[in-house]
Amino acid sequence: MRRKIEKLLEEQVNPYVSGHGGGIELVDFIDGVVHVKLLGGCQGCAASKQTLKDGVERLLKKEFGDKIVEVVDATDHSQGEDPYFK
């Protein structure tokens, strides 16, 4: 399942967020919970919660159904560079 999630992030999510100087990588997948880390412009971005819930989580649930319970942000947003949206 991890490989399928990583593939979806690489092929469908990262091309979109890279336009804003960001990226999303899988940290872990435990009991249906997908833990991700936001990179680049996504780290510290004010729209990151919306991107994760309305974008990434929705896409993963659509693709993998009830195997995905939720997406959790494991990013330390205080350490990021300036976000794309200020």
N, C-alpha and C. Protein backbone atom coordinates (compact mmCIF):
# COMPACT_ATOMS: atom_id res chain seq x y z
N MET A 1 0.82 -1.20 0.00
CA MET A 1 0.00 0.00 0.00
C MET A 1 0.87 1.27 0.00
N ARG A 2 1.97 1.19 0.73
CA ARG A 2 2.87 2.35 0.78
C ARG A 2 3.33 2.76 -0.61
N ARG A 3 3.70 1.77 -1.41
CA ARG A 3 4.19 2.07 -2.76
C ARG A 3 3.09 2.69 -3.62
N LYS A 4 1.88 2.23 -3.45
CA LYS A 4 0.75 2.79 -4.21
C LYS A 4 0.50 4.25 -3.82
N ILE A 5 0.59 4.53 -2.53
CA ILE A 5 0.41 5.91 -2.05
C ILE A 5 1.53 6.79 -2.58
N GLU A 6 2.77 6.31 -2.48
CA GLU A 6 3.91 7.09 -2.98
C GLU A 6 3.77 7.37 -4.47
N LYS A 7 3.33 6.38 -5.22
CA LYS A 7 3.15 6.56 -6.67
C LYS A 7 2.09 7.61 -6.96
N LEU A 8 0.98 7.56 -6.24
CA LEU A 8 -0.08 8.55 -6.43
C LEU A 8 0.43 9.96 -6.10
N LEU A 9 1.16 10.09 -5.00
CA LEU A 9 1.72 11.39 -4.63
C LEU A 9 2.67 11.90 -5.72
N GLU A 10 3.53 11.03 -6.21
CA GLU A 10 4.52 11.43 -7.22
C GLU A 10 3.86 11.80 -8.55
N GLU A 11 2.85 11.03 -8.96
CA GLU A 11 2.28 11.21 -10.28
C GLU A 11 1.12 12.20 -10.35
N GLN A 12 0.35 12.32 -9.27
CA GLN A 12 -0.84 13.15 -9.34
C GLN A 12 -0.81 14.38 -8.44
N VAL A 13 -0.14 14.29 -7.32
CA VAL A 13 -0.15 15.40 -6.36
C VAL A 13 1.05 16.33 -6.58
N ASN A 14 2.25 15.76 -6.60
CA ASN A 14 3.45 16.59 -6.68
C ASN A 14 3.56 17.43 -7.95
N PRO A 15 3.11 16.96 -9.09
CA PRO A 15 3.14 17.86 -10.25
C PRO A 15 2.30 19.13 -10.03
N TYR A 16 1.22 19.00 -9.29
CA TYR A 16 0.37 20.16 -9.00
C TYR A 16 1.04 21.10 -8.00
N VAL A 17 1.48 20.57 -6.87
CA VAL A 17 2.05 21.45 -5.83
C VAL A 17 3.45 21.95 -6.19
N SER A 18 4.12 21.29 -7.12
CA SER A 18 5.44 21.78 -7.53
C SER A 18 5.33 23.11 -8.25
N GLY A 19 4.17 23.41 -8.82
CA GLY A 19 3.94 24.70 -9.44
C GLY A 19 3.98 25.85 -8.44
N HIS A 20 3.86 25.49 -7.18
CA HIS A 20 3.93 26.48 -6.09
C HIS A 20 5.24 26.33 -5.32
N GLY A 21 6.17 25.57 -5.89
CA GLY A 21 7.46 25.39 -5.25
C GLY A 21 7.45 24.38 -4.11
N GLY A 22 6.45 23.50 -4.09
CA GLY A 22 6.32 22.56 -2.98
C GLY A 22 6.37 21.12 -3.39
N GLY A 23 6.16 20.27 -2.41
CA GLY A 23 6.12 18.84 -2.61
C GLY A 23 5.53 18.18 -1.39
N ILE A 24 5.06 16.94 -1.57
CA ILE A 24 4.50 16.17 -0.47
C ILE A 24 5.09 14.77 -0.54
N GLU A 25 5.61 14.29 0.60
CA GLU A 25 6.18 12.95 0.62
C GLU A 25 5.55 12.12 1.73
N LEU A 26 5.47 10.83 1.50
CA LEU A 26 4.92 9.91 2.48
C LEU A 26 5.94 9.68 3.58
N VAL A 27 5.50 9.82 4.82
CA VAL A 27 6.35 9.53 5.97
C VAL A 27 6.04 8.13 6.48
N ASP A 28 4.73 7.83 6.62
CA ASP A 28 4.34 6.52 7.14
C ASP A 28 2.88 6.25 6.78
N PHE A 29 2.51 4.99 6.86
CA PHE A 29 1.14 4.55 6.65
C PHE A 29 0.84 3.51 7.71
N ILE A 30 0.01 3.89 8.70
CA ILE A 30 -0.28 3.02 9.84
C ILE A 30 -1.79 2.96 10.05
N ASP A 31 -2.33 1.75 10.00
CA ASP A 31 -3.75 1.51 10.28
C ASP A 31 -4.67 2.46 9.52
N GLY A 32 -4.39 2.68 8.25
CA GLY A 32 -5.25 3.51 7.42
C GLY A 32 -4.95 5.00 7.48
N VAL A 33 -4.01 5.39 8.32
CA VAL A 33 -3.66 6.80 8.48
C VAL A 33 -2.38 7.07 7.68
N VAL A 34 -2.48 8.03 6.76
CA VAL A 34 -1.36 8.40 5.91
C VAL A 34 -0.68 9.62 6.53
N HIS A 35 0.58 9.46 6.90
CA HIS A 35 1.37 10.55 7.48
C HIS A 35 2.25 11.11 6.38
N VAL A 36 2.13 12.41 6.14
CA VAL A 36 2.90 13.04 5.07
C VAL A 36 3.69 14.23 5.60
N LYS A 37 4.71 14.58 4.84
CA LYS A 37 5.53 15.75 5.15
C LYS A 37 5.45 16.69 3.96
N LEU A 38 5.20 17.95 4.23
CA LEU A 38 5.13 18.96 3.19
C LEU A 38 6.51 19.58 3.02
N LEU A 39 6.89 19.80 1.78
CA LEU A 39 8.23 20.28 1.46
C LEU A 39 8.18 21.61 0.72
N GLY A 40 9.27 22.33 0.75
CA GLY A 40 9.40 23.57 -0.03
C GLY A 40 8.34 24.59 0.32
N GLY A 41 7.70 25.13 -0.70
CA GLY A 41 6.70 26.17 -0.52
C GLY A 41 5.47 25.70 0.23
N CYS A 42 5.24 24.38 0.30
CA CYS A 42 4.09 23.85 1.04
C CYS A 42 4.32 23.91 2.55
N GLN A 43 5.59 23.86 2.96
CA GLN A 43 5.91 23.88 4.38
C GLN A 43 5.70 25.29 4.91
N GLY A 44 4.75 25.43 5.80
CA GLY A 44 4.44 26.73 6.37
C GLY A 44 3.38 27.50 5.59
N CYS A 45 2.89 26.95 4.52
CA CYS A 45 1.88 27.63 3.69
C CYS A 45 0.55 27.68 4.43
N ALA A 46 -0.10 28.82 4.35
CA ALA A 46 -1.40 28.99 5.00
C ALA A 46 -2.47 28.08 4.42
N ALA A 47 -2.33 27.66 3.18
CA ALA A 47 -3.32 26.81 2.53
C ALA A 47 -3.00 25.32 2.67
N SER A 48 -2.00 24.96 3.44
CA SER A 48 -1.57 23.56 3.51
C SER A 48 -2.64 22.64 4.07
N LYS A 49 -3.37 23.07 5.09
CA LYS A 49 -4.43 22.22 5.67
C LYS A 49 -5.52 21.95 4.64
N GLN A 50 -5.88 22.97 3.92
CA GLN A 50 -6.91 22.80 2.89
C GLN A 50 -6.41 21.88 1.78
N THR A 51 -5.17 22.04 1.37
CA THR A 51 -4.59 21.18 0.34
C THR A 51 -4.62 19.73 0.79
N LEU A 52 -4.24 19.47 2.04
CA LEU A 52 -4.21 18.10 2.53
C LEU A 52 -5.60 17.49 2.63
N LYS A 53 -6.55 18.21 3.22
CA LYS A 53 -7.88 17.64 3.45
C LYS A 53 -8.72 17.62 2.18
N ASP A 54 -8.79 18.74 1.48
CA ASP A 54 -9.66 18.84 0.31
C ASP A 54 -9.03 18.27 -0.95
N GLY A 55 -7.72 18.17 -0.97
CA GLY A 55 -7.03 17.68 -2.15
C GLY A 55 -6.48 16.28 -1.96
N VAL A 56 -5.44 16.16 -1.14
CA VAL A 56 -4.72 14.90 -0.99
C VAL A 56 -5.59 13.82 -0.34
N GLU A 57 -6.22 14.14 0.77
CA GLU A 57 -7.04 13.14 1.46
C GLU A 57 -8.21 12.68 0.59
N ARG A 58 -8.86 13.62 -0.06
CA ARG A 58 -9.98 13.27 -0.94
C ARG A 58 -9.52 12.36 -2.08
N LEU A 59 -8.38 12.68 -2.68
CA LEU A 59 -7.85 11.88 -3.78
C LEU A 59 -7.48 10.47 -3.33
N LEU A 60 -6.81 10.37 -2.18
CA LEU A 60 -6.43 9.06 -1.65
C LEU A 60 -7.65 8.21 -1.31
N LYS A 61 -8.66 8.81 -0.71
CA LYS A 61 -9.89 8.07 -0.38
C LYS A 61 -10.63 7.64 -1.63
N LYS A 62 -10.62 8.48 -2.64
CA LYS A 62 -11.27 8.13 -3.90
C LYS A 62 -10.55 6.96 -4.55
N GLU A 63 -9.24 6.99 -4.53
CA GLU A 63 -8.43 5.95 -5.17
C GLU A 63 -8.42 4.64 -4.40
N PHE A 64 -8.33 4.71 -3.07
CA PHE A 64 -8.12 3.51 -2.26
C PHE A 64 -9.28 3.18 -1.32
N GLY A 65 -10.35 3.95 -1.39
CA GLY A 65 -11.55 3.64 -0.61
C GLY A 65 -11.33 3.63 0.89
N ASP A 66 -11.93 2.63 1.53
CA ASP A 66 -11.90 2.56 2.99
C ASP A 66 -10.55 2.14 3.57
N LYS A 67 -9.55 1.92 2.73
CA LYS A 67 -8.20 1.63 3.22
C LYS A 67 -7.55 2.87 3.80
N ILE A 68 -8.09 4.05 3.44
CA ILE A 68 -7.56 5.32 3.93
C ILE A 68 -8.57 5.92 4.92
N VAL A 69 -8.12 6.13 6.15
CA VAL A 69 -8.96 6.74 7.18
C VAL A 69 -8.81 8.25 7.16
N GLU A 70 -7.57 8.72 7.13
CA GLU A 70 -7.29 10.15 7.09
C GLU A 70 -5.85 10.40 6.70
N VAL A 71 -5.56 11.65 6.38
CA VAL A 71 -4.20 12.10 6.09
C VAL A 71 -3.78 13.05 7.21
N VAL A 72 -2.61 12.79 7.77
CA VAL A 72 -2.11 13.56 8.90
C VAL A 72 -0.84 14.29 8.46
N ASP A 73 -0.75 15.54 8.81
CA ASP A 73 0.41 16.37 8.48
C ASP A 73 1.48 16.18 9.55
N ALA A 74 2.63 15.62 9.17
CA ALA A 74 3.74 15.38 10.09
C ALA A 74 4.85 16.42 9.90
N THR A 75 4.52 17.55 9.30
CA THR A 75 5.49 18.58 8.97
C THR A 75 5.74 19.50 10.16
N ASP A 76 6.99 19.90 10.34
CA ASP A 76 7.31 20.95 11.31
C ASP A 76 7.25 22.27 10.54
N HIS A 77 6.09 22.90 10.55
CA HIS A 77 5.87 24.10 9.74
C HIS A 77 6.69 25.30 10.21
N SER A 78 7.15 25.29 11.43
CA SER A 78 7.94 26.42 11.93
C SER A 78 9.34 26.45 11.32
N GLN A 79 9.77 25.36 10.72
CA GLN A 79 11.12 25.28 10.17
C GLN A 79 11.18 25.57 8.68
N GLY A 80 10.05 25.80 8.04
CA GLY A 80 10.03 25.97 6.59
C GLY A 80 10.50 27.33 6.13
N GLU A 81 10.79 27.40 4.83
CA GLU A 81 11.12 28.66 4.21
C GLU A 81 9.83 29.44 4.01
N ASP A 82 9.93 30.63 3.45
CA ASP A 82 8.74 31.42 3.21
C ASP A 82 7.81 30.66 2.29
N PRO A 83 6.52 30.59 2.67
CA PRO A 83 5.57 29.87 1.82
C PRO A 83 5.27 30.64 0.53
N TYR A 84 4.69 29.94 -0.41
CA TYR A 84 4.32 30.54 -1.68
C TYR A 84 3.27 31.62 -1.48
N PHE A 85 2.24 31.30 -0.70
CA PHE A 85 1.18 32.27 -0.41
C PHE A 85 1.53 33.00 0.87
N LYS A 86 1.67 34.30 0.79
CA LYS A 86 2.01 35.07 2.00
C LYS A 86 0.80 35.82 2.50
